[in-house]
Amino acid sequence: REVCKDIEEAQVFGIQGVPTFVVNREYAFSGAQ
């Protein structure tokens, strides 16, 4: 259930590629920085 919830959240947040880093649920950035 936890794995599925993560994947569902990714869809809600519009995450289409990884890695994606979400900071304090306020903003996000992606890629192997």
Full PDB file with SEQRES, HELIX, SHEET, SSBOND, CRYST1, ORIGX, SCALE, CONECT and MASTER records, all heavy atoms in Angstrom:
SEQRES   1 A   33  ARG GLU VAL CYS LYS ASP ILE GLU GLU ALA GLN VAL PHE          
SEQRES   2 A   33  GLY ILE GLN GLY VAL PRO THR PHE VAL VAL ASN ARG GLU          
SEQRES   3 A   33  TYR ALA PHE SER GLY ALA GLN                                  
HELIX    1 AA1 GLU A    2  PHE A   13  1                                  12    
SHEET    1 AA1 2 THR A  20  VAL A  23  0                                        
SHEET    2 AA1 2 TYR A  27  SER A  30 -1                                        
CRYST1    1.000    1.000    1.000  90.00  90.00  90.00 P 1           1          
ORIGX1      1.000000  0.000000  0.000000        0.00000                         
ORIGX2      0.000000  1.000000  0.000000        0.00000                         
ORIGX3      0.000000  0.000000  1.000000        0.00000                         
SCALE1      1.000000  0.000000  0.000000        0.00000                         
SCALE2      0.000000  1.000000  0.000000        0.00000                         
SCALE3      0.000000  0.000000  1.000000        0.00000                         
ATOM      1  N   ARG A   1       0.828  -1.205   0.000  1.00  0.00           N  
ATOM      2  CA  ARG A   1       0.000   0.000   0.000  1.00  0.00           C  
ATOM      3  C   ARG A   1       0.865   1.259   0.000  1.00  0.00           C  
ATOM      4  O   ARG A   1       0.555   2.231  -0.689  1.00  0.00           O  
ATOM      5  CB  ARG A   1      -0.918  -0.007   1.222  1.00  0.00           C  
ATOM      6  CG  ARG A   1      -1.881   1.177   1.291  1.00  0.00           C  
ATOM      7  CD  ARG A   1      -2.821   1.044   2.483  1.00  0.00           C  
ATOM      8  NE  ARG A   1      -3.638  -0.168   2.393  1.00  0.00           N  
ATOM      9  CZ  ARG A   1      -4.499  -0.530   3.322  1.00  0.00           C  
ATOM     10  NH1 ARG A   1      -4.657   0.187   4.422  1.00  0.00           N  
ATOM     11  NH2 ARG A   1      -5.212  -1.630   3.158  1.00  0.00           N  
ATOM     12  N   GLU A   2       1.957   1.214   0.753  1.00  0.00           N  
ATOM     13  CA  GLU A   2       2.842   2.383   0.817  1.00  0.00           C  
ATOM     14  C   GLU A   2       3.498   2.658  -0.537  1.00  0.00           C  
ATOM     15  O   GLU A   2       3.627   3.812  -0.950  1.00  0.00           O  
ATOM     16  CB  GLU A   2       3.925   2.162   1.885  1.00  0.00           C  
ATOM     17  CG  GLU A   2       3.423   2.255   3.318  1.00  0.00           C  
ATOM     18  CD  GLU A   2       2.799   0.965   3.818  1.00  0.00           C  
ATOM     19  OE1 GLU A   2       2.536   0.051   3.004  1.00  0.00           O  
ATOM     20  OE2 GLU A   2       2.554   0.865   5.037  1.00  0.00           O  
ATOM     21  N   VAL A   3       3.910   1.594  -1.216  1.00  0.00           N  
ATOM     22  CA  VAL A   3       4.512   1.758  -2.541  1.00  0.00           C  
ATOM     23  C   VAL A   3       3.503   2.360  -3.512  1.00  0.00           C  
ATOM     24  O   VAL A   3       3.806   3.312  -4.250  1.00  0.00           O  
ATOM     25  CB  VAL A   3       5.034   0.412  -3.079  1.00  0.00           C  
ATOM     26  CG1 VAL A   3       5.531   0.564  -4.523  1.00  0.00           C  
ATOM     27  CG2 VAL A   3       6.159  -0.128  -2.193  1.00  0.00           C  
ATOM     28  N   CYS A   4       2.289   1.823  -3.511  1.00  0.00           N  
ATOM     29  CA  CYS A   4       1.246   2.332  -4.409  1.00  0.00           C  
ATOM     30  C   CYS A   4       0.898   3.783  -4.094  1.00  0.00           C  
ATOM     31  O   CYS A   4       0.659   4.589  -5.012  1.00  0.00           O  
ATOM     32  CB  CYS A   4       0.003   1.456  -4.319  1.00  0.00           C  
ATOM     33  SG  CYS A   4       0.230  -0.219  -4.976  1.00  0.00           S  
ATOM     34  N   LYS A   5       0.897   4.124  -2.812  1.00  0.00           N  
ATOM     35  CA  LYS A   5       0.600   5.503  -2.428  1.00  0.00           C  
ATOM     36  C   LYS A   5       1.658   6.455  -2.965  1.00  0.00           C  
ATOM     37  O   LYS A   5       1.332   7.550  -3.451  1.00  0.00           O  
ATOM     38  CB  LYS A   5       0.518   5.621  -0.908  1.00  0.00           C  
ATOM     39  CG  LYS A   5       0.200   7.031  -0.416  1.00  0.00           C  
ATOM     40  CD  LYS A   5       0.158   7.107   1.102  1.00  0.00           C  
ATOM     41  CE  LYS A   5      -0.104   8.542   1.568  1.00  0.00           C  
ATOM     42  NZ  LYS A   5      -0.088   8.651   3.056  1.00  0.00           N  
ATOM     43  N   ASP A   6       2.921   6.053  -2.885  1.00  0.00           N  
ATOM     44  CA  ASP A   6       4.002   6.897  -3.430  1.00  0.00           C  
ATOM     45  C   ASP A   6       3.806   7.144  -4.919  1.00  0.00           C  
ATOM     46  O   ASP A   6       3.970   8.262  -5.416  1.00  0.00           O  
ATOM     47  CB  ASP A   6       5.360   6.219  -3.211  1.00  0.00           C  
ATOM     48  CG  ASP A   6       5.824   6.258  -1.772  1.00  0.00           C  
ATOM     49  OD1 ASP A   6       5.207   6.979  -0.958  1.00  0.00           O  
ATOM     50  OD2 ASP A   6       6.810   5.558  -1.457  1.00  0.00           O  
ATOM     51  N   ILE A   7       3.481   6.067  -5.628  1.00  0.00           N  
ATOM     52  CA  ILE A   7       3.313   6.180  -7.079  1.00  0.00           C  
ATOM     53  C   ILE A   7       2.107   7.056  -7.424  1.00  0.00           C  
ATOM     54  O   ILE A   7       2.162   7.860  -8.358  1.00  0.00           O  
ATOM     55  CB  ILE A   7       3.179   4.765  -7.693  1.00  0.00           C  
ATOM     56  CG1 ILE A   7       4.493   4.001  -7.503  1.00  0.00           C  
ATOM     57  CG2 ILE A   7       2.799   4.849  -9.171  1.00  0.00           C  
ATOM     58  CD1 ILE A   7       4.415   2.536  -7.872  1.00  0.00           C  
ATOM     59  N   GLU A   8       1.042   6.932  -6.651  1.00  0.00           N  
ATOM     60  CA  GLU A   8      -0.139   7.773  -6.852  1.00  0.00           C  
ATOM     61  C   GLU A   8       0.190   9.238  -6.577  1.00  0.00           C  
ATOM     62  O   GLU A   8      -0.256  10.137  -7.297  1.00  0.00           O  
ATOM     63  CB  GLU A   8      -1.282   7.305  -5.951  1.00  0.00           C  
ATOM     64  CG  GLU A   8      -1.874   5.965  -6.368  1.00  0.00           C  
ATOM     65  CD  GLU A   8      -2.801   5.376  -5.312  1.00  0.00           C  
ATOM     66  OE1 GLU A   8      -2.992   6.050  -4.268  1.00  0.00           O  
ATOM     67  OE2 GLU A   8      -3.320   4.268  -5.527  1.00  0.00           O  
ATOM     68  N   GLU A   9       0.966   9.489  -5.519  1.00  0.00           N  
ATOM     69  CA  GLU A   9       1.365  10.861  -5.203  1.00  0.00           C  
ATOM     70  C   GLU A   9       2.196  11.457  -6.327  1.00  0.00           C  
ATOM     71  O   GLU A   9       2.055  12.650  -6.647  1.00  0.00           O  
ATOM     72  CB  GLU A   9       2.161  10.899  -3.897  1.00  0.00           C  
ATOM     73  CG  GLU A   9       1.312  10.863  -2.647  1.00  0.00           C  
ATOM     74  CD  GLU A   9       2.124  11.131  -1.406  1.00  0.00           C  
ATOM     75  OE1 GLU A   9       3.270  10.653  -1.318  1.00  0.00           O  
ATOM     76  OE2 GLU A   9       1.616  11.825  -0.507  1.00  0.00           O  
ATOM     77  N   ALA A  10       3.058  10.646  -6.910  1.00  0.00           N  
ATOM     78  CA  ALA A  10       3.872  11.126  -8.026  1.00  0.00           C  
ATOM     79  C   ALA A  10       2.981  11.601  -9.167  1.00  0.00           C  
ATOM     80  O   ALA A  10       3.250  12.638  -9.807  1.00  0.00           O  
ATOM     81  CB  ALA A  10       4.814  10.031  -8.508  1.00  0.00           C  
ATOM     82  N   GLN A  11       1.916  10.874  -9.419  1.00  0.00           N  
ATOM     83  CA  GLN A  11       0.981  11.261 -10.470  1.00  0.00           C  
ATOM     84  C   GLN A  11       0.264  12.560 -10.116  1.00  0.00           C  
ATOM     85  O   GLN A  11       0.089  13.442 -10.965  1.00  0.00           O  
ATOM     86  CB  GLN A  11      -0.031  10.133 -10.710  1.00  0.00           C  
ATOM     87  CG  GLN A  11       0.596   8.862 -11.253  1.00  0.00           C  
ATOM     88  CD  GLN A  11      -0.374   7.702 -11.310  1.00  0.00           C  
ATOM     89  OE1 GLN A  11      -1.443   7.732 -10.706  1.00  0.00           O  
ATOM     90  NE2 GLN A  11      -0.021   6.653 -12.050  1.00  0.00           N  
ATOM     91  N   VAL A  12      -0.130  12.694  -8.844  1.00  0.00           N  
ATOM     92  CA  VAL A  12      -0.801  13.912  -8.399  1.00  0.00           C  
ATOM     93  C   VAL A  12       0.116  15.123  -8.544  1.00  0.00           C  
ATOM     94  O   VAL A  12      -0.311  16.206  -8.963  1.00  0.00           O  
ATOM     95  CB  VAL A  12      -1.262  13.765  -6.930  1.00  0.00           C  
ATOM     96  CG1 VAL A  12      -1.760  15.100  -6.388  1.00  0.00           C  
ATOM     97  CG2 VAL A  12      -2.356  12.717  -6.827  1.00  0.00           C  
ATOM     98  N   PHE A  13       1.388  14.952  -8.216  1.00  0.00           N  
ATOM     99  CA  PHE A  13       2.356  16.043  -8.292  1.00  0.00           C  
ATOM    100  C   PHE A  13       2.835  16.299  -9.710  1.00  0.00           C  
ATOM    101  O   PHE A  13       3.570  17.246  -9.958  1.00  0.00           O  
ATOM    102  CB  PHE A  13       3.566  15.750  -7.406  1.00  0.00           C  
ATOM    103  CG  PHE A  13       3.273  15.800  -5.927  1.00  0.00           C  
ATOM    104  CD1 PHE A  13       4.068  15.108  -5.032  1.00  0.00           C  
ATOM    105  CD2 PHE A  13       2.213  16.538  -5.428  1.00  0.00           C  
ATOM    106  CE1 PHE A  13       3.816  15.151  -3.664  1.00  0.00           C  
ATOM    107  CE2 PHE A  13       1.944  16.583  -4.077  1.00  0.00           C  
ATOM    108  CZ  PHE A  13       2.742  15.898  -3.188  1.00  0.00           C  
ATOM    109  N   GLY A  14       2.443  15.427 -10.644  1.00  0.00           N  
ATOM    110  CA  GLY A  14       2.876  15.600 -12.027  1.00  0.00           C  
ATOM    111  C   GLY A  14       4.297  15.160 -12.279  1.00  0.00           C  
ATOM    112  O   GLY A  14       4.941  15.600 -13.235  1.00  0.00           O  
ATOM    113  N   ILE A  15       4.802  14.265 -11.428  1.00  0.00           N  
ATOM    114  CA  ILE A  15       6.171  13.765 -11.593  1.00  0.00           C  
ATOM    115  C   ILE A  15       6.192  12.764 -12.734  1.00  0.00           C  
ATOM    116  O   ILE A  15       5.504  11.749 -12.705  1.00  0.00           O  
ATOM    117  CB  ILE A  15       6.671  13.108 -10.291  1.00  0.00           C  
ATOM    118  CG1 ILE A  15       6.778  14.153  -9.179  1.00  0.00           C  
ATOM    119  CG2 ILE A  15       8.011  12.417 -10.511  1.00  0.00           C  
ATOM    120  CD1 ILE A  15       7.096  13.574  -7.806  1.00  0.00           C  
ATOM    121  N   GLN A  16       6.976  13.057 -13.750  1.00  0.00           N  
ATOM    122  CA  GLN A  16       7.050  12.189 -14.923  1.00  0.00           C  
ATOM    123  C   GLN A  16       8.446  11.635 -15.150  1.00  0.00           C  
ATOM    124  O   GLN A  16       8.667  10.870 -16.092  1.00  0.00           O  
ATOM    125  CB  GLN A  16       6.573  12.949 -16.164  1.00  0.00           C  
ATOM    126  CG  GLN A  16       5.113  13.380 -16.075  1.00  0.00           C  
ATOM    127  CD  GLN A  16       4.647  14.102 -17.313  1.00  0.00           C  
ATOM    128  OE1 GLN A  16       5.436  14.666 -18.070  1.00  0.00           O  
ATOM    129  NE2 GLN A  16       3.340  14.091 -17.549  1.00  0.00           N  
ATOM    130  N   GLY A  17       9.374  12.038 -14.326  1.00  0.00           N  
ATOM    131  CA  GLY A  17      10.740  11.543 -14.442  1.00  0.00           C  
ATOM    132  C   GLY A  17      11.414  11.557 -13.095  1.00  0.00           C  
ATOM    133  O   GLY A  17      11.022  12.306 -12.197  1.00  0.00           O  
ATOM    134  N   VAL A  18      12.422  10.714 -12.938  1.00  0.00           N  
ATOM    135  CA  VAL A  18      13.130  10.622 -11.662  1.00  0.00           C  
ATOM    136  C   VAL A  18      14.639  10.692 -11.917  1.00  0.00           C  
ATOM    137  O   VAL A  18      15.100  10.377 -13.017  1.00  0.00           O  
ATOM    138  CB  VAL A  18      12.761   9.315 -10.927  1.00  0.00           C  
ATOM    139  CG1 VAL A  18      11.354   9.397 -10.373  1.00  0.00           C  
ATOM    140  CG2 VAL A  18      12.905   8.085 -11.818  1.00  0.00           C  
ATOM    141  N   PRO A  19      15.382  11.157 -10.889  1.00  0.00           N  
ATOM    142  CA  PRO A  19      14.923  11.485  -9.534  1.00  0.00           C  
ATOM    143  C   PRO A  19      14.235  12.847  -9.474  1.00  0.00           C  
ATOM    144  O   PRO A  19      14.618  13.774 -10.185  1.00  0.00           O  
ATOM    145  CB  PRO A  19      16.227  11.523  -8.726  1.00  0.00           C  
ATOM    146  CG  PRO A  19      17.253  11.979  -9.727  1.00  0.00           C  
ATOM    147  CD  PRO A  19      16.853  11.323 -11.017  1.00  0.00           C  
ATOM    148  N   THR A  20      13.240  12.948  -8.613  1.00  0.00           N  
ATOM    149  CA  THR A  20      12.580  14.218  -8.321  1.00  0.00           C  
ATOM    150  C   THR A  20      12.638  14.452  -6.817  1.00  0.00           C  
ATOM    151  O   THR A  20      12.307  13.567  -6.036  1.00  0.00           O  
ATOM    152  CB  THR A  20      11.125  14.216  -8.798  1.00  0.00           C  
ATOM    153  OG1 THR A  20      11.095  14.166 -10.236  1.00  0.00           O  
ATOM    154  CG2 THR A  20      10.402  15.484  -8.343  1.00  0.00           C  
ATOM    155  N   PHE A  21      13.078  15.652  -6.446  1.00  0.00           N  
ATOM    156  CA  PHE A  21      13.279  16.017  -5.049  1.00  0.00           C  
ATOM    157  C   PHE A  21      12.230  17.050  -4.656  1.00  0.00           C  
ATOM    158  O   PHE A  21      12.140  18.117  -5.284  1.00  0.00           O  
ATOM    159  CB  PHE A  21      14.675  16.608  -4.848  1.00  0.00           C  
ATOM    160  CG  PHE A  21      15.786  15.719  -5.352  1.00  0.00           C  
ATOM    161  CD1 PHE A  21      16.130  15.710  -6.705  1.00  0.00           C  
ATOM    162  CD2 PHE A  21      16.478  14.892  -4.491  1.00  0.00           C  
ATOM    163  CE1 PHE A  21      17.156  14.891  -7.178  1.00  0.00           C  
ATOM    164  CE2 PHE A  21      17.509  14.072  -4.949  1.00  0.00           C  
ATOM    165  CZ  PHE A  21      17.845  14.068  -6.293  1.00  0.00           C  
ATOM    166  N   VAL A  22      11.438  16.747  -3.647  1.00  0.00           N  
ATOM    167  CA  VAL A  22      10.399  17.656  -3.168  1.00  0.00           C  
ATOM    168  C   VAL A  22      10.791  18.132  -1.768  1.00  0.00           C  
ATOM    169  O   VAL A  22      10.977  17.332  -0.858  1.00  0.00           O  
ATOM    170  CB  VAL A  22       9.026  16.971  -3.136  1.00  0.00           C  
ATOM    171  CG1 VAL A  22       7.968  17.925  -2.575  1.00  0.00           C  
ATOM    172  CG2 VAL A  22       8.626  16.502  -4.537  1.00  0.00           C  
ATOM    173  N   VAL A  23      10.922  19.449  -1.623  1.00  0.00           N  
ATOM    174  CA  VAL A  23      11.410  20.031  -0.370  1.00  0.00           C  
ATOM    175  C   VAL A  23      10.258  20.626   0.429  1.00  0.00           C  
ATOM    176  O   VAL A  23       9.583  21.555  -0.030  1.00  0.00           O  
ATOM    177  CB  VAL A  23      12.458  21.123  -0.656  1.00  0.00           C  
ATOM    178  CG1 VAL A  23      12.990  21.692   0.662  1.00  0.00           C  
ATOM    179  CG2 VAL A  23      13.596  20.572  -1.493  1.00  0.00           C  
ATOM    180  N   ASN A  24      10.034  20.052   1.621  1.00  0.00           N  
ATOM    181  CA  ASN A  24       9.001  20.545   2.536  1.00  0.00           C  
ATOM    182  C   ASN A  24       7.634  20.702   1.870  1.00  0.00           C  
ATOM    183  O   ASN A  24       6.835  21.550   2.275  1.00  0.00           O  
ATOM    184  CB  ASN A  24       9.433  21.883   3.147  1.00  0.00           C  
ATOM    185  CG  ASN A  24      10.597  21.720   4.115  1.00  0.00           C  
ATOM    186  OD1 ASN A  24      10.827  20.656   4.663  1.00  0.00           O  
ATOM    187  ND2 ASN A  24      11.347  22.802   4.307  1.00  0.00           N  
ATOM    188  N   ARG A  25       7.406  19.917   0.830  1.00  0.00           N  
ATOM    189  CA  ARG A  25       6.145  19.988   0.082  1.00  0.00           C  
ATOM    190  C   ARG A  25       5.873  21.385  -0.470  1.00  0.00           C  
ATOM    191  O   ARG A  25       4.729  21.746  -0.744  1.00  0.00           O  
ATOM    192  CB  ARG A  25       4.964  19.540   0.959  1.00  0.00           C  
ATOM    193  CG  ARG A  25       5.016  18.064   1.353  1.00  0.00           C  
ATOM    194  CD  ARG A  25       4.365  17.218   0.291  1.00  0.00           C  
ATOM    195  NE  ARG A  25       4.666  15.799   0.437  1.00  0.00           N  
ATOM    196  CZ  ARG A  25       3.770  14.818   0.278  1.00  0.00           C  
ATOM    197  NH1 ARG A  25       2.509  15.115   0.012  1.00  0.00           N  
ATOM    198  NH2 ARG A  25       4.122  13.560   0.371  1.00  0.00           N  
ATOM    199  N   GLU A  26       6.946  22.169  -0.650  1.00  0.00           N  
ATOM    200  CA  GLU A  26       6.787  23.541  -1.125  1.00  0.00           C  
ATOM    201  C   GLU A  26       7.282  23.718  -2.555  1.00  0.00           C  
ATOM    202  O   GLU A  26       6.688  24.452  -3.336  1.00  0.00           O  
ATOM    203  CB  GLU A  26       7.529  24.508  -0.197  1.00  0.00           C  
ATOM    204  CG  GLU A  26       6.920  24.579   1.204  1.00  0.00           C  
ATOM    205  CD  GLU A  26       7.700  25.487   2.123  1.00  0.00           C  
ATOM    206  OE1 GLU A  26       8.745  26.022   1.690  1.00  0.00           O  
ATOM    207  OE2 GLU A  26       7.283  25.670   3.278  1.00  0.00           O  
ATOM    208  N   TYR A  27       8.399  23.092  -2.879  1.00  0.00           N  
ATOM    209  CA  TYR A  27       8.857  23.168  -4.268  1.00  0.00           C  
ATOM    210  C   TYR A  27       9.693  21.942  -4.589  1.00  0.00           C  
ATOM    211  O   TYR A  27      10.080  21.179  -3.696  1.00  0.00           O  
ATOM    212  CB  TYR A  27       9.635  24.453  -4.535  1.00  0.00           C  
ATOM    213  CG  TYR A  27      11.003  24.530  -3.904  1.00  0.00           C  
ATOM    214  CD1 TYR A  27      12.134  24.125  -4.586  1.00  0.00           C  
ATOM    215  CD2 TYR A  27      11.162  25.055  -2.624  1.00  0.00           C  
ATOM    216  CE1 TYR A  27      13.382  24.208  -4.020  1.00  0.00           C  
ATOM    217  CE2 TYR A  27      12.418  25.152  -2.047  1.00  0.00           C  
ATOM    218  CZ  TYR A  27      13.526  24.724  -2.758  1.00  0.00           C  
ATOM    219  OH  TYR A  27      14.769  24.811  -2.187  1.00  0.00           O  
ATOM    220  N   ALA A  28       9.953  21.755  -5.886  1.00  0.00           N  
ATOM    221  CA  ALA A  28      10.631  20.534  -6.324  1.00  0.00           C  
ATOM    222  C   ALA A  28      11.644  20.845  -7.414  1.00  0.00           C  
ATOM    223  O   ALA A  28      11.555  21.862  -8.108  1.00  0.00           O  
ATOM    224  CB  ALA A  28       9.597  19.533  -6.838  1.00  0.00           C  
ATOM    225  N   PHE A  29      12.607  19.943  -7.541  1.00  0.00           N  
ATOM    226  CA  PHE A  29      13.542  20.000  -8.664  1.00  0.00           C  
ATOM    227  C   PHE A  29      13.900  18.566  -9.020  1.00  0.00           C  
ATOM    228  O   PHE A  29      13.664  17.637  -8.244  1.00  0.00           O  
ATOM    229  CB  PHE A  29      14.784  20.829  -8.329  1.00  0.00           C  
ATOM    230  CG  PHE A  29      15.576  20.337  -7.141  1.00  0.00           C  
ATOM    231  CD1 PHE A  29      16.671  19.513  -7.314  1.00  0.00           C  
ATOM    232  CD2 PHE A  29      15.218  20.704  -5.849  1.00  0.00           C  
ATOM    233  CE1 PHE A  29      17.405  19.065  -6.229  1.00  0.00           C  
ATOM    234  CE2 PHE A  29      15.937  20.266  -4.758  1.00  0.00           C  
ATOM    235  CZ  PHE A  29      17.044  19.434  -4.943  1.00  0.00           C  
ATOM    236  N   SER A  30      14.439  18.360 -10.194  1.00  0.00           N  
ATOM    237  CA  SER A  30      14.663  16.994 -10.655  1.00  0.00           C  
ATOM    238  C   SER A  30      16.033  16.854 -11.305  1.00  0.00           C  
ATOM    239  O   SER A  30      16.722  17.839 -11.588  1.00  0.00           O  
ATOM    240  CB  SER A  30      13.573  16.573 -11.644  1.00  0.00           C  
ATOM    241  OG  SER A  30      13.576  17.427 -12.779  1.00  0.00           O  
ATOM    242  N   GLY A  31      16.407  15.611 -11.538  1.00  0.00           N  
ATOM    243  CA  GLY A  31      17.656  15.314 -12.222  1.00  0.00           C  
ATOM    244  C   GLY A  31      18.797  15.000 -11.283  1.00  0.00           C  
ATOM    245  O   GLY A  31      18.766  15.333 -10.099  1.00  0.00           O  
ATOM    246  N   ALA A  32      19.816  14.346 -11.836  1.00  0.00           N  
ATOM    247  CA  ALA A  32      21.002  13.989 -11.061  1.00  0.00           C  
ATOM    248  C   ALA A  32      21.918  15.207 -10.968  1.00  0.00           C  
ATOM    249  O   ALA A  32      22.890  15.353 -11.717  1.00  0.00           O  
ATOM    250  CB  ALA A  32      21.731  12.816 -11.716  1.00  0.00           C  
ATOM    251  N   GLN A  33      21.606  16.090 -10.049  1.00  0.00           N  
ATOM    252  CA  GLN A  33      22.351  17.325  -9.904  1.00  0.00           C  
ATOM    253  C   GLN A  33      23.791  17.049  -9.446  1.00  0.00           C  
ATOM    254  O   GLN A  33      24.037  16.120  -8.674  1.00  0.00           O  
ATOM    255  CB  GLN A  33      21.673  18.231  -8.874  1.00  0.00           C  
ATOM    256  CG  GLN A  33      20.230  18.581  -9.183  1.00  0.00           C  
ATOM    257  CD  GLN A  33      20.106  19.462 -10.411  1.00  0.00           C  
ATOM    258  OE1 GLN A  33      20.961  20.311 -10.669  1.00  0.00           O  
ATOM    259  NE2 GLN A  33      19.064  19.263 -11.175  1.00  0.00           N  
TER     260      GLN A  33                                                      
MASTER        0    0    0    1    2    0    0    6  259    1    0    3          
END                                                                             
